[in-house]
Amino acid sequence: MIHRGILEAMGTSAGRAPFEAIADEIRDEIRRGTLKPDDKLPPHRELVAKHGVAVGTIQRALRLLQDEGLLVSRPTIGVFVSNTPAARQESITIEQLAEELADLKRRIEQLERH
């Protein structure tokens, strides 16, 4: 029987690779503030054990997040949450975005009337 956490890490939707699911989880932890700027991530072997995947999968997920500017690797020290604006950026829902766009539209219409 396959452990449920492994299935979740692998992703259940078609075309979703395990490294993408792991990157999504870490990305969400950063956005929620569970992981804060300058926090050190657990060592690779702990992440391997937690997610039940190969070390290469963990490395690929972390590399993706480094490319996005969310993580920074410090050789011989570890991987840390970046202190850049990308790491501090708050996530926004589609509903929030739609509300902001509707508000902007109303403001533009008011300005055009004057």
PDB file of N, CA and C in Angstrom:
ATOM      1  N   MET A   1       0.844  -1.185   0.000  1.00  0.00           N
ATOM      2  CA  MET A   1       0.000   0.000   0.000  1.00  0.00           C
ATOM      3  C   MET A   1       0.891   1.251   0.000  1.00  0.00           C
ATOM      4  N   ILE A   2       0.564   2.202  -0.837  1.00  0.00           N
ATOM      5  CA  ILE A   2       1.340   3.436  -0.944  1.00  0.00           C
ATOM      6  C   ILE A   2       0.845   4.428   0.097  1.00  0.00           C
ATOM      7  N   HIS A   3       1.782   5.057   0.775  1.00  0.00           N
ATOM      8  CA  HIS A   3       1.463   6.056   1.796  1.00  0.00           C
ATOM      9  C   HIS A   3       0.747   7.241   1.172  1.00  0.00           C
ATOM     10  N   ARG A   4      -0.282   7.756   1.825  1.00  0.00           N
ATOM     11  CA  ARG A   4      -1.082   8.867   1.288  1.00  0.00           C
ATOM     12  C   ARG A   4      -0.239  10.104   1.023  1.00  0.00           C
ATOM     13  N   GLY A   5       0.724  10.406   1.894  1.00  0.00           N
ATOM     14  CA  GLY A   5       1.587  11.573   1.710  1.00  0.00           C
ATOM     15  C   GLY A   5       2.390  11.498   0.428  1.00  0.00           C
ATOM     16  N   ILE A   6       2.798  10.271   0.063  1.00  0.00           N
ATOM     17  CA  ILE A   6       3.543  10.101  -1.176  1.00  0.00           C
ATOM     18  C   ILE A   6       2.644  10.405  -2.368  1.00  0.00           C
ATOM     19  N   LEU A   7       1.407   9.900  -2.313  1.00  0.00           N
ATOM     20  CA  LEU A   7       0.472  10.184  -3.401  1.00  0.00           C
ATOM     21  C   LEU A   7       0.210  11.678  -3.521  1.00  0.00           C
ATOM     22  N   GLU A   8       0.068  12.354  -2.381  1.00  0.00           N
ATOM     23  CA  GLU A   8      -0.167  13.798  -2.418  1.00  0.00           C
ATOM     24  C   GLU A   8       1.038  14.510  -2.986  1.00  0.00           C
ATOM     25  N   ALA A   9       2.242  14.085  -2.590  1.00  0.00           N
ATOM     26  CA  ALA A   9       3.462  14.723  -3.085  1.00  0.00           C
ATOM     27  C   ALA A   9       3.615  14.496  -4.588  1.00  0.00           C
ATOM     28  N   MET A  10       3.163  13.330  -5.065  1.00  0.00           N
ATOM     29  CA  MET A  10       3.261  13.027  -6.489  1.00  0.00           C
ATOM     30  C   MET A  10       2.251  13.821  -7.295  1.00  0.00           C
ATOM     31  N   GLY A  11       1.199  14.281  -6.651  1.00  0.00           N
ATOM     32  CA  GLY A  11       0.174  15.019  -7.356  1.00  0.00           C
ATOM     33  C   GLY A  11      -0.798  14.050  -8.002  1.00  0.00           C
ATOM     34  N   THR A  12      -2.054  14.363  -7.908  1.00  0.00           N
ATOM     35  CA  THR A  12      -3.054  13.456  -8.441  1.00  0.00           C
ATOM     36  C   THR A  12      -3.572  13.896  -9.798  1.00  0.00           C
ATOM     37  N   SER A  13      -3.266  15.114 -10.198  1.00  0.00           N
ATOM     38  CA  SER A  13      -3.757  15.571 -11.496  1.00  0.00           C
ATOM     39  C   SER A  13      -2.767  15.186 -12.590  1.00  0.00           C
ATOM     40  N   ALA A  14      -3.286  14.955 -13.763  1.00  0.00           N
ATOM     41  CA  ALA A  14      -2.467  14.539 -14.890  1.00  0.00           C
ATOM     42  C   ALA A  14      -1.423  15.598 -15.212  1.00  0.00           C
ATOM     43  N   GLY A  15      -0.221  15.135 -15.515  1.00  0.00           N
ATOM     44  CA  GLY A  15       0.830  16.045 -15.921  1.00  0.00           C
ATOM     45  C   GLY A  15       1.530  16.769 -14.796  1.00  0.00           C
ATOM     46  N   ARG A  16       1.204  16.459 -13.570  1.00  0.00           N
ATOM     47  CA  ARG A  16       1.830  17.140 -12.435  1.00  0.00           C
ATOM     48  C   ARG A  16       2.915  16.249 -11.839  1.00  0.00           C
ATOM     49  N   ALA A  17       4.139  16.719 -11.904  1.00  0.00           N
ATOM     50  CA  ALA A  17       5.279  15.957 -11.417  1.00  0.00           C
ATOM     51  C   ALA A  17       5.415  16.099  -9.900  1.00  0.00           C
ATOM     52  N   PRO A  18       6.017  15.086  -9.250  1.00  0.00           N
ATOM     53  CA  PRO A  18       6.206  15.161  -7.802  1.00  0.00           C
ATOM     54  C   PRO A  18       6.974  16.406  -7.348  1.00  0.00           C
ATOM     55  N   PHE A  19       8.001  16.817  -8.109  1.00  0.00           N
ATOM     56  CA  PHE A  19       8.765  17.992  -7.699  1.00  0.00           C
ATOM     57  C   PHE A  19       7.898  19.249  -7.717  1.00  0.00           C
ATOM     58  N   GLU A  20       6.920  19.302  -8.631  1.00  0.00           N
ATOM     59  CA  GLU A  20       6.019  20.453  -8.689  1.00  0.00           C
ATOM     60  C   GLU A  20       5.112  20.506  -7.464  1.00  0.00           C
ATOM     61  N   ALA A  21       4.624  19.355  -7.042  1.00  0.00           N
ATOM     62  CA  ALA A  21       3.766  19.300  -5.856  1.00  0.00           C
ATOM     63  C   ALA A  21       4.543  19.714  -4.611  1.00  0.00           C
ATOM     64  N   ILE A  22       5.785  19.271  -4.504  1.00  0.00           N
ATOM     65  CA  ILE A  22       6.619  19.631  -3.354  1.00  0.00           C
ATOM     66  C   ILE A  22       6.928  21.124  -3.393  1.00  0.00           C
ATOM     67  N   ALA A  23       7.251  21.655  -4.568  1.00  0.00           N
ATOM     68  CA  ALA A  23       7.511  23.091  -4.703  1.00  0.00           C
ATOM     69  C   ALA A  23       6.269  23.887  -4.327  1.00  0.00           C
ATOM     70  N   ASP A  24       5.089  23.419  -4.743  1.00  0.00           N
ATOM     71  CA  ASP A  24       3.840  24.099  -4.389  1.00  0.00           C
ATOM     72  C   ASP A  24       3.656  24.146  -2.873  1.00  0.00           C
ATOM     73  N   GLU A  25       3.949  23.041  -2.210  1.00  0.00           N
ATOM     74  CA  GLU A  25       3.792  22.983  -0.757  1.00  0.00           C
ATOM     75  C   GLU A  25       4.725  23.972  -0.058  1.00  0.00           C
ATOM     76  N   ILE A  26       5.984  24.007  -0.482  1.00  0.00           N
ATOM     77  CA  ILE A  26       6.947  24.939   0.123  1.00  0.00           C
ATOM     78  C   ILE A  26       6.557  26.380  -0.199  1.00  0.00           C
ATOM     79  N   ARG A  27       6.134  26.614  -1.446  1.00  0.00           N
ATOM     80  CA  ARG A  27       5.682  27.956  -1.860  1.00  0.00           C
ATOM     81  C   ARG A  27       4.522  28.426  -0.981  1.00  0.00           C
ATOM     82  N   ASP A  28       3.571  27.526  -0.717  1.00  0.00           N
ATOM     83  CA  ASP A  28       2.428  27.864   0.136  1.00  0.00           C
ATOM     84  C   ASP A  28       2.874  28.172   1.565  1.00  0.00           C
ATOM     85  N   GLU A  29       3.852  27.417   2.076  1.00  0.00           N
ATOM     86  CA  GLU A  29       4.363  27.676   3.425  1.00  0.00           C
ATOM     87  C   GLU A  29       5.013  29.055   3.509  1.00  0.00           C
ATOM     88  N   ILE A  30       5.663  29.469   2.438  1.00  0.00           N
ATOM     89  CA  ILE A  30       6.278  30.805   2.405  1.00  0.00           C
ATOM     90  C   ILE A  30       5.190  31.872   2.359  1.00  0.00           C
ATOM     91  N   ARG A  31       4.198  31.682   1.523  1.00  0.00           N
ATOM     92  CA  ARG A  31       3.127  32.675   1.384  1.00  0.00           C
ATOM     93  C   ARG A  31       2.286  32.793   2.649  1.00  0.00           C
ATOM     94  N   ARG A  32       2.073  31.675   3.340  1.00  0.00           N
ATOM     95  CA  ARG A  32       1.303  31.701   4.591  1.00  0.00           C
ATOM     96  C   ARG A  32       2.114  32.252   5.762  1.00  0.00           C
ATOM     97  N   GLY A  33       3.432  32.333   5.597  1.00  0.00           N
ATOM     98  CA  GLY A  33       4.268  32.823   6.678  1.00  0.00           C
ATOM     99  C   GLY A  33       4.765  31.730   7.598  1.00  0.00           C
ATOM    100  N   THR A  34       4.460  30.473   7.283  1.00  0.00           N
ATOM    101  CA  THR A  34       4.995  29.362   8.063  1.00  0.00           C
ATOM    102  C   THR A  34       6.508  29.336   7.919  1.00  0.00           C
ATOM    103  N   LEU A  35       6.973  29.600   6.710  1.00  0.00           N
ATOM    104  CA  LEU A  35       8.398  29.798   6.452  1.00  0.00           C
ATOM    105  C   LEU A  35       8.599  31.279   6.176  1.00  0.00           C
ATOM    106  N   LYS A  36       9.473  31.900   6.934  1.00  0.00           N
ATOM    107  CA  LYS A  36       9.705  33.339   6.825  1.00  0.00           C
ATOM    108  C   LYS A  36      11.059  33.618   6.173  1.00  0.00           C
ATOM    109  N   PRO A  37      11.251  34.853   5.656  1.00  0.00           N
ATOM    110  CA  PRO A  37      12.543  35.210   5.085  1.00  0.00           C
ATOM    111  C   PRO A  37      13.682  34.873   6.045  1.00  0.00           C
ATOM    112  N   ASP A  38      14.731  34.299   5.494  1.00  0.00           N
ATOM    113  CA  ASP A  38      15.945  33.877   6.199  1.00  0.00           C
ATOM    114  C   ASP A  38      15.787  32.586   6.995  1.00  0.00           C
ATOM    115  N   ASP A  39      14.588  31.971   7.009  1.00  0.00           N
ATOM    116  CA  ASP A  39      14.424  30.659   7.644  1.00  0.00           C
ATOM    117  C   ASP A  39      15.200  29.624   6.840  1.00  0.00           C
ATOM    118  N   LYS A  40      15.822  28.691   7.549  1.00  0.00           N
ATOM    119  CA  LYS A  40      16.559  27.609   6.906  1.00  0.00           C
ATOM    120  C   LYS A  40      15.633  26.417   6.712  1.00  0.00           C
ATOM    121  N   LEU A  41      15.645  25.854   5.510  1.00  0.00           N
ATOM    122  CA  LEU A  41      14.858  24.661   5.243  1.00  0.00           C
ATOM    123  C   LEU A  41      15.548  23.448   5.856  1.00  0.00           C
ATOM    124  N   PRO A  42      14.784  22.408   6.138  1.00  0.00           N
ATOM    125  CA  PRO A  42      15.404  21.181   6.657  1.00  0.00           C
ATOM    126  C   PRO A  42      16.395  20.617   5.643  1.00  0.00           C
ATOM    127  N   PRO A  43      17.339  19.803   6.105  1.00  0.00           N
ATOM    128  CA  PRO A  43      18.284  19.181   5.168  1.00  0.00           C
ATOM    129  C   PRO A  43      17.549  18.301   4.150  1.00  0.00           C
ATOM    130  N   HIS A  44      18.198  18.058   3.032  1.00  0.00           N
ATOM    131  CA  HIS A  44      17.607  17.261   1.960  1.00  0.00           C
ATOM    132  C   HIS A  44      17.100  15.914   2.467  1.00  0.00           C
ATOM    133  N   ARG A  45      17.882  15.248   3.321  1.00  0.00           N
ATOM    134  CA  ARG A  45      17.479  13.903   3.778  1.00  0.00           C
ATOM    135  C   ARG A  45      16.179  13.951   4.570  1.00  0.00           C
ATOM    136  N   GLU A  46      15.942  15.044   5.310  1.00  0.00           N
ATOM    137  CA  GLU A  46      14.674  15.187   6.036  1.00  0.00           C
ATOM    138  C   GLU A  46      13.513  15.426   5.068  1.00  0.00           C
ATOM    139  N   LEU A  47      13.758  16.225   4.037  1.00  0.00           N
ATOM    140  CA  LEU A  47      12.724  16.473   3.037  1.00  0.00           C
ATOM    141  C   LEU A  47      12.413  15.201   2.251  1.00  0.00           C
ATOM    142  N   VAL A  48      13.445  14.403   1.981  1.00  0.00           N
ATOM    143  CA  VAL A  48      13.255  13.119   1.303  1.00  0.00           C
ATOM    144  C   VAL A  48      12.357  12.221   2.149  1.00  0.00           C
ATOM    145  N   ALA A  49      12.654  12.138   3.451  1.00  0.00           N
ATOM    146  CA  ALA A  49      11.864  11.293   4.351  1.00  0.00           C
ATOM    147  C   ALA A  49      10.430  11.813   4.475  1.00  0.00           C
ATOM    148  N   LYS A  50      10.278  13.116   4.569  1.00  0.00           N
ATOM    149  CA  LYS A  50       8.946  13.705   4.725  1.00  0.00           C
ATOM    150  C   LYS A  50       8.058  13.433   3.513  1.00  0.00           C
ATOM    151  N   HIS A  51       8.629  13.570   2.316  1.00  0.00           N
ATOM    152  CA  HIS A  51       7.834  13.468   1.092  1.00  0.00           C
ATOM    153  C   HIS A  51       7.890  12.091   0.444  1.00  0.00           C
ATOM    154  N   GLY A  52       8.804  11.245   0.893  1.00  0.00           N
ATOM    155  CA  GLY A  52       8.896   9.902   0.348  1.00  0.00           C
ATOM    156  C   GLY A  52       9.314   9.861  -1.105  1.00  0.00           C
ATOM    157  N   VAL A  53      10.231  10.738  -1.477  1.00  0.00           N
ATOM    158  CA  VAL A  53      10.709  10.803  -2.857  1.00  0.00           C
ATOM    159  C   VAL A  53      12.232  10.730  -2.864  1.00  0.00           C
ATOM    160  N   ALA A  54      12.808  10.644  -4.048  1.00  0.00           N
ATOM    161  CA  ALA A  54      14.263  10.606  -4.203  1.00  0.00           C
ATOM    162  C   ALA A  54      14.865  11.993  -3.963  1.00  0.00           C
ATOM    163  N   VAL A  55      16.132  12.000  -3.620  1.00  0.00           N
ATOM    164  CA  VAL A  55      16.816  13.274  -3.365  1.00  0.00           C
ATOM    165  C   VAL A  55      16.810  14.159  -4.612  1.00  0.00           C
ATOM    166  N   GLY A  56      16.880  13.554  -5.792  1.00  0.00           N
ATOM    167  CA  GLY A  56      16.841  14.336  -7.032  1.00  0.00           C
ATOM    168  C   GLY A  56      15.538  15.101  -7.190  1.00  0.00           C
ATOM    169  N   THR A  57      14.441  14.516  -6.709  1.00  0.00           N
ATOM    170  CA  THR A  57      13.137  15.180  -6.773  1.00  0.00           C
ATOM    171  C   THR A  57      13.131  16.407  -5.865  1.00  0.00           C
ATOM    172  N   ILE A  58      13.697  16.264  -4.674  1.00  0.00           N
ATOM    173  CA  ILE A  58      13.802  17.394  -3.737  1.00  0.00           C
ATOM    174  C   ILE A  58      14.682  18.478  -4.342  1.00  0.00           C
ATOM    175  N   GLN A  59      15.808  18.087  -4.903  1.00  0.00           N
ATOM    176  CA  GLN A  59      16.716  19.062  -5.500  1.00  0.00           C
ATOM    177  C   GLN A  59      16.035  19.826  -6.634  1.00  0.00           C
ATOM    178  N   ARG A  60      15.248  19.126  -7.416  1.00  0.00           N
ATOM    179  CA  ARG A  60      14.555  19.781  -8.533  1.00  0.00           C
ATOM    180  C   ARG A  60      13.508  20.776  -8.030  1.00  0.00           C
ATOM    181  N   ALA A  61      12.777  20.402  -6.977  1.00  0.00           N
ATOM    182  CA  ALA A  61      11.777  21.306  -6.393  1.00  0.00           C
ATOM    183  C   ALA A  61      12.454  22.552  -5.830  1.00  0.00           C
ATOM    184  N   LEU A  62      13.551  22.361  -5.125  1.00  0.00           N
ATOM    185  CA  LEU A  62      14.254  23.504  -4.530  1.00  0.00           C
ATOM    186  C   LEU A  62      14.863  24.392  -5.609  1.00  0.00           C
ATOM    187  N   ARG A  63      15.382  23.777  -6.672  1.00  0.00           N
ATOM    188  CA  ARG A  63      15.954  24.553  -7.778  1.00  0.00           C
ATOM    189  C   ARG A  63      14.880  25.416  -8.437  1.00  0.00           C
ATOM    190  N   LEU A  64      13.675  24.854  -8.600  1.00  0.00           N
ATOM    191  CA  LEU A  64      12.564  25.616  -9.178  1.00  0.00           C
ATOM    192  C   LEU A  64      12.264  26.849  -8.321  1.00  0.00           C
ATOM    193  N   LEU A  65      12.221  26.663  -7.013  1.00  0.00           N
ATOM    194  CA  LEU A  65      11.920  27.777  -6.103  1.00  0.00           C
ATOM    195  C   LEU A  65      13.065  28.788  -6.059  1.00  0.00           C
ATOM    196  N   GLN A  66      14.283  28.314  -6.247  1.00  0.00           N
ATOM    197  CA  GLN A  66      15.418  29.241  -6.338  1.00  0.00           C
ATOM    198  C   GLN A  66      15.309  30.070  -7.612  1.00  0.00           C
ATOM    199  N   ASP A  67      14.928  29.431  -8.705  1.00  0.00           N
ATOM    200  CA  ASP A  67      14.756  30.154  -9.977  1.00  0.00           C
ATOM    201  C   ASP A  67      13.665  31.216  -9.863  1.00  0.00           C
ATOM    202  N   GLU A  68      12.655  30.957  -9.034  1.00  0.00           N
ATOM    203  CA  GLU A  68      11.568  31.914  -8.819  1.00  0.00           C
ATOM    204  C   GLU A  68      11.964  33.014  -7.844  1.00  0.00           C
ATOM    205  N   GLY A  69      13.116  32.882  -7.209  1.00  0.00           N
ATOM    206  CA  GLY A  69      13.569  33.886  -6.259  1.00  0.00           C
ATOM    207  C   GLY A  69      13.036  33.689  -4.846  1.00  0.00           C
ATOM    208  N   LEU A  70      12.402  32.546  -4.593  1.00  0.00           N
ATOM    209  CA  LEU A  70      11.827  32.304  -3.269  1.00  0.00           C
ATOM    210  C   LEU A  70      12.828  31.694  -2.298  1.00  0.00           C
ATOM    211  N   LEU A  71      13.807  30.970  -2.829  1.00  0.00           N
ATOM    212  CA  LEU A  71      14.829  30.341  -1.996  1.00  0.00           C
ATOM    213  C   LEU A  71      16.207  30.752  -2.473  1.00  0.00           C
ATOM    214  N   VAL A  72      17.160  30.681  -1.556  1.00  0.00           N
ATOM    215  CA  VAL A  72      18.551  30.933  -1.897  1.00  0.00           C
ATOM    216  C   VAL A  72      19.389  29.836  -1.239  1.00  0.00           C
ATOM    217  N   SER A  73      20.345  29.312  -2.007  1.00  0.00           N
ATOM    218  CA  SER A  73      21.219  28.256  -1.510  1.00  0.00           C
ATOM    219  C   SER A  73      22.541  28.879  -1.089  1.00  0.00           C
ATOM    220  N   ARG A  74      22.982  28.521   0.091  1.00  0.00           N
ATOM    221  CA  ARG A  74      24.291  28.970   0.577  1.00  0.00           C
ATOM    222  C   ARG A  74      25.155  27.724   0.732  1.00  0.00           C
ATOM    223  N   PRO A  75      26.079  27.517  -0.205  1.00  0.00           N
ATOM    224  CA  PRO A  75      26.883  26.287  -0.196  1.00  0.00           C
ATOM    225  C   PRO A  75      27.487  25.992   1.172  1.00  0.00           C
ATOM    226  N   THR A  76      27.423  24.733   1.538  1.00  0.00           N
ATOM    227  CA  THR A  76      27.895  24.173   2.808  1.00  0.00           C
ATOM    228  C   THR A  76      27.106  24.641   4.028  1.00  0.00           C
ATOM    229  N   ILE A  77      26.142  25.535   3.836  1.00  0.00           N
ATOM    230  CA  ILE A  77      25.340  26.031   4.966  1.00  0.00           C
ATOM    231  C   ILE A  77      23.921  25.513   4.884  1.00  0.00           C
ATOM    232  N   GLY A  78      23.286  25.656   3.709  1.00  0.00           N
ATOM    233  CA  GLY A  78      21.920  25.169   3.543  1.00  0.00           C
ATOM    234  C   GLY A  78      21.117  26.008   2.590  1.00  0.00           C
ATOM    235  N   VAL A  79      19.815  25.722   2.557  1.00  0.00           N
ATOM    236  CA  VAL A  79      18.872  26.442   1.682  1.00  0.00           C
ATOM    237  C   VAL A  79      17.977  27.286   2.583  1.00  0.00           C
ATOM    238  N   PHE A  80      17.829  28.555   2.222  1.00  0.00           N
ATOM    239  CA  PHE A  80      17.091  29.509   3.033  1.00  0.00           C
ATOM    240  C   PHE A  80      15.988  30.173   2.229  1.00  0.00           C
ATOM    241  N   VAL A  81      14.954  30.615   2.936  1.00  0.00           N
ATOM    242  CA  VAL A  81      13.918  31.421   2.306  1.00  0.00           C
ATOM    243  C   VAL A  81      14.547  32.765   1.981  1.00  0.00           C
ATOM    244  N   SER A  82      14.349  33.197   0.759  1.00  0.00           N
ATOM    245  CA  SER A  82      14.929  34.446   0.295  1.00  0.00           C
ATOM    246  C   SER A  82      14.343  35.637   1.044  1.00  0.00           C
ATOM    247  N   ASN A  83      15.127  36.683   1.098  1.00  0.00           N
ATOM    248  CA  ASN A  83      14.692  37.919   1.748  1.00  0.00           C
ATOM    249  C   ASN A  83      14.313  38.960   0.700  1.00  0.00           C
ATOM    250  N   THR A  84      14.008  38.498  -0.516  1.00  0.00           N
ATOM    251  CA  THR A  84      13.648  39.402  -1.604  1.00  0.00           C
ATOM    252  C   THR A  84      12.141  39.640  -1.621  1.00  0.00           C
ATOM    253  N   PRO A  85      11.694  40.667  -2.323  1.00  0.00           N
ATOM    254  CA  PRO A  85      10.248  40.928  -2.406  1.00  0.00           C
ATOM    255  C   PRO A  85       9.446  39.736  -2.923  1.00  0.00           C
ATOM    256  N   ALA A  86      10.010  38.909  -3.811  1.00  0.00           N
ATOM    257  CA  ALA A  86       9.280  37.750  -4.331  1.00  0.00           C
ATOM    258  C   ALA A  86       8.897  36.801  -3.203  1.00  0.00           C
ATOM    259  N   ALA A  87       9.763  36.657  -2.206  1.00  0.00           N
ATOM    260  CA  ALA A  87       9.488  35.750  -1.089  1.00  0.00           C
ATOM    261  C   ALA A  87       8.464  36.348  -0.136  1.00  0.00           C
ATOM    262  N   ARG A  88       8.374  37.655  -0.109  1.00  0.00           N
ATOM    263  CA  ARG A  88       7.435  38.302   0.817  1.00  0.00           C
ATOM    264  C   ARG A  88       6.090  38.587   0.168  1.00  0.00           C
ATOM    265  N   GLN A  89       6.002  38.349  -1.129  1.00  0.00           N
ATOM    266  CA  GLN A  89       4.780  38.662  -1.874  1.00  0.00           C
ATOM    267  C   GLN A  89       3.607  37.849  -1.341  1.00  0.00           C
ATOM    268  N   GLU A  90       2.511  38.525  -1.104  1.00  0.00           N
ATOM    269  CA  GLU A  90       1.313  37.851  -0.633  1.00  0.00           C
ATOM    270  C   GLU A  90       0.569  37.267  -1.815  1.00  0.00           C
ATOM    271  N   SER A  91      -0.034  36.113  -1.584  1.00  0.00           N
ATOM    272  CA  SER A  91      -0.833  35.533  -2.646  1.00  0.00           C
ATOM    273  C   SER A  91      -2.172  36.259  -2.704  1.00  0.00           C
ATOM    274  N   ILE A  92      -2.768  36.250  -3.876  1.00  0.00           N
ATOM    275  CA  ILE A  92      -4.048  36.922  -4.063  1.00  0.00           C
ATOM    276  C   ILE A  92      -4.976  35.944  -4.774  1.00  0.00           C
ATOM    277  N   THR A  93      -6.205  35.901  -4.337  1.00  0.00           N
ATOM    278  CA  THR A  93      -7.165  35.002  -4.954  1.00  0.00           C
ATOM    279  C   THR A  93      -7.748  35.648  -6.201  1.00  0.00           C
ATOM    280  N   ILE A  94      -8.343  34.842  -7.025  1.00  0.00           N
ATOM    281  CA  ILE A  94      -9.002  35.359  -8.242  1.00  0.00           C
ATOM    282  C   ILE A  94     -10.131  36.304  -7.847  1.00  0.00           C
ATOM    283  N   GLU A  95     -10.835  35.957  -6.775  1.00  0.00           N
ATOM    284  CA  GLU A  95     -11.928  36.815  -6.313  1.00  0.00           C
ATOM    285  C   GLU A  95     -11.414  38.186  -5.880  1.00  0.00           C
ATOM    286  N   GLN A  96     -10.279  38.210  -5.173  1.00  0.00           N
ATOM    287  CA  GLN A  96      -9.700  39.487  -4.747  1.00  0.00           C
ATOM    288  C   GLN A  96      -9.266  40.303  -5.962  1.00  0.00           C
ATOM    289  N   LEU A  97      -8.683  39.637  -6.925  1.00  0.00           N
ATOM    290  CA  LEU A  97      -8.260  40.322  -8.136  1.00  0.00           C
ATOM    291  C   LEU A  97      -9.455  40.887  -8.886  1.00  0.00           C
ATOM    292  N   ALA A  98     -10.535  40.104  -8.976  1.00  0.00           N
ATOM    293  CA  ALA A  98     -11.752  40.571  -9.655  1.00  0.00           C
ATOM    294  C   ALA A  98     -12.332  41.788  -8.939  1.00  0.00           C
ATOM    295  N   GLU A  99     -12.319  41.771  -7.601  1.00  0.00           N
ATOM    296  CA  GLU A  99     -12.818  42.919  -6.829  1.00  0.00           C
ATOM    297  C   GLU A  99     -11.970  44.159  -7.092  1.00  0.00           C
ATOM    298  N   GLU A 100     -10.660  43.992  -7.126  1.00  0.00           N
ATOM    299  CA  GLU A 100      -9.775  45.131  -7.381  1.00  0.00           C
ATOM    300  C   GLU A 100      -9.994  45.695  -8.783  1.00  0.00           C
ATOM    301  N   LEU A 101     -10.169  44.806  -9.754  1.00  0.00           N
ATOM    302  CA  LEU A 101     -10.419  45.274 -11.117  1.00  0.00           C
ATOM    303  C   LEU A 101     -11.754  46.007 -11.220  1.00  0.00           C
ATOM    304  N   ALA A 102     -12.788  45.482 -10.553  1.00  0.00           N
ATOM    305  CA  ALA A 102     -14.097  46.134 -10.568  1.00  0.00           C
ATOM    306  C   ALA A 102     -14.005  47.513  -9.917  1.00  0.00           C
ATOM    307  N   ASP A 103     -13.244  47.611  -8.834  1.00  0.00           N
ATOM    308  CA  ASP A 103     -13.068  48.897  -8.159  1.00  0.00           C
ATOM    309  C   ASP A 103     -12.346  49.887  -9.073  1.00  0.00           C
ATOM    310  N   LEU A 104     -11.321  49.426  -9.747  1.00  0.00           N
ATOM    311  CA  LEU A 104     -10.600  50.303 -10.681  1.00  0.00           C
ATOM    312  C   LEU A 104     -11.515  50.769 -11.812  1.00  0.00           C
ATOM    313  N   LYS A 105     -12.340  49.861 -12.313  1.00  0.00           N
ATOM    314  CA  LYS A 105     -13.277  50.218 -13.382  1.00  0.00           C
ATOM    315  C   LYS A 105     -14.238  51.303 -12.909  1.00  0.00           C
ATOM    316  N   ARG A 106     -14.775  51.159 -11.679  1.00  0.00           N
ATOM    317  CA  ARG A 106     -15.686  52.176 -11.133  1.00  0.00           C
ATOM    318  C   ARG A 106     -14.983  53.519 -10.991  1.00  0.00           C
ATOM    319  N   ARG A 107     -13.747  53.494 -10.536  1.00  0.00           N
ATOM    320  CA  ARG A 107     -13.011  54.753 -10.353  1.00  0.00           C
ATOM    321  C   ARG A 107     -12.746  55.439 -11.687  1.00  0.00           C
ATOM    322  N   ILE A 108     -12.412  54.650 -12.700  1.00  0.00           N
ATOM    323  CA  ILE A 108     -12.162  55.223 -14.029  1.00  0.00           C
ATOM    324  C   ILE A 108     -13.444  55.824 -14.582  1.00  0.00           C
ATOM    325  N   GLU A 109     -14.546  55.120 -14.416  1.00  0.00           N
ATOM    326  CA  GLU A 109     -15.830  55.639 -14.897  1.00  0.00           C
ATOM    327  C   GLU A 109     -16.185  56.942 -14.192  1.00  0.00           C
ATOM    328  N   GLN A 110     -15.927  57.063 -12.907  1.00  0.00           N
ATOM    329  CA  GLN A 110     -16.190  58.296 -12.163  1.00  0.00           C
ATOM    330  C   GLN A 110     -15.318  59.419 -12.665  1.00  0.00           C
ATOM    331  N   LEU A 111     -14.061  59.114 -12.940  1.00  0.00           N
ATOM    332  CA  LEU A 111     -13.153  60.140 -13.454  1.00  0.00           C
ATOM    333  C   LEU A 111     -13.574  60.619 -14.843  1.00  0.00           C
ATOM    334  N   GLU A 112     -14.037  59.717 -15.660  1.00  0.00           N
ATOM    335  CA  GLU A 112     -14.458  60.076 -17.012  1.00  0.00           C
ATOM    336  C   GLU A 112     -15.715  60.937 -17.004  1.00  0.00           C
ATOM    337  N   ARG A 113     -16.558  60.798 -15.993  1.00  0.00           N
ATOM    338  CA  ARG A 113     -17.779  61.600 -15.894  1.00  0.00           C
ATOM    339  C   ARG A 113     -17.479  63.043 -15.536  1.00  0.00           C
ATOM    340  N   HIS A 114     -16.366  63.284 -14.914  1.00  0.00           N
ATOM    341  CA  HIS A 114     -16.039  64.643 -14.440  1.00  0.00           C
ATOM    342  C   HIS A 114     -15.308  65.397 -15.457  1.00  0.00           C
TER     343      HIS A 114
END
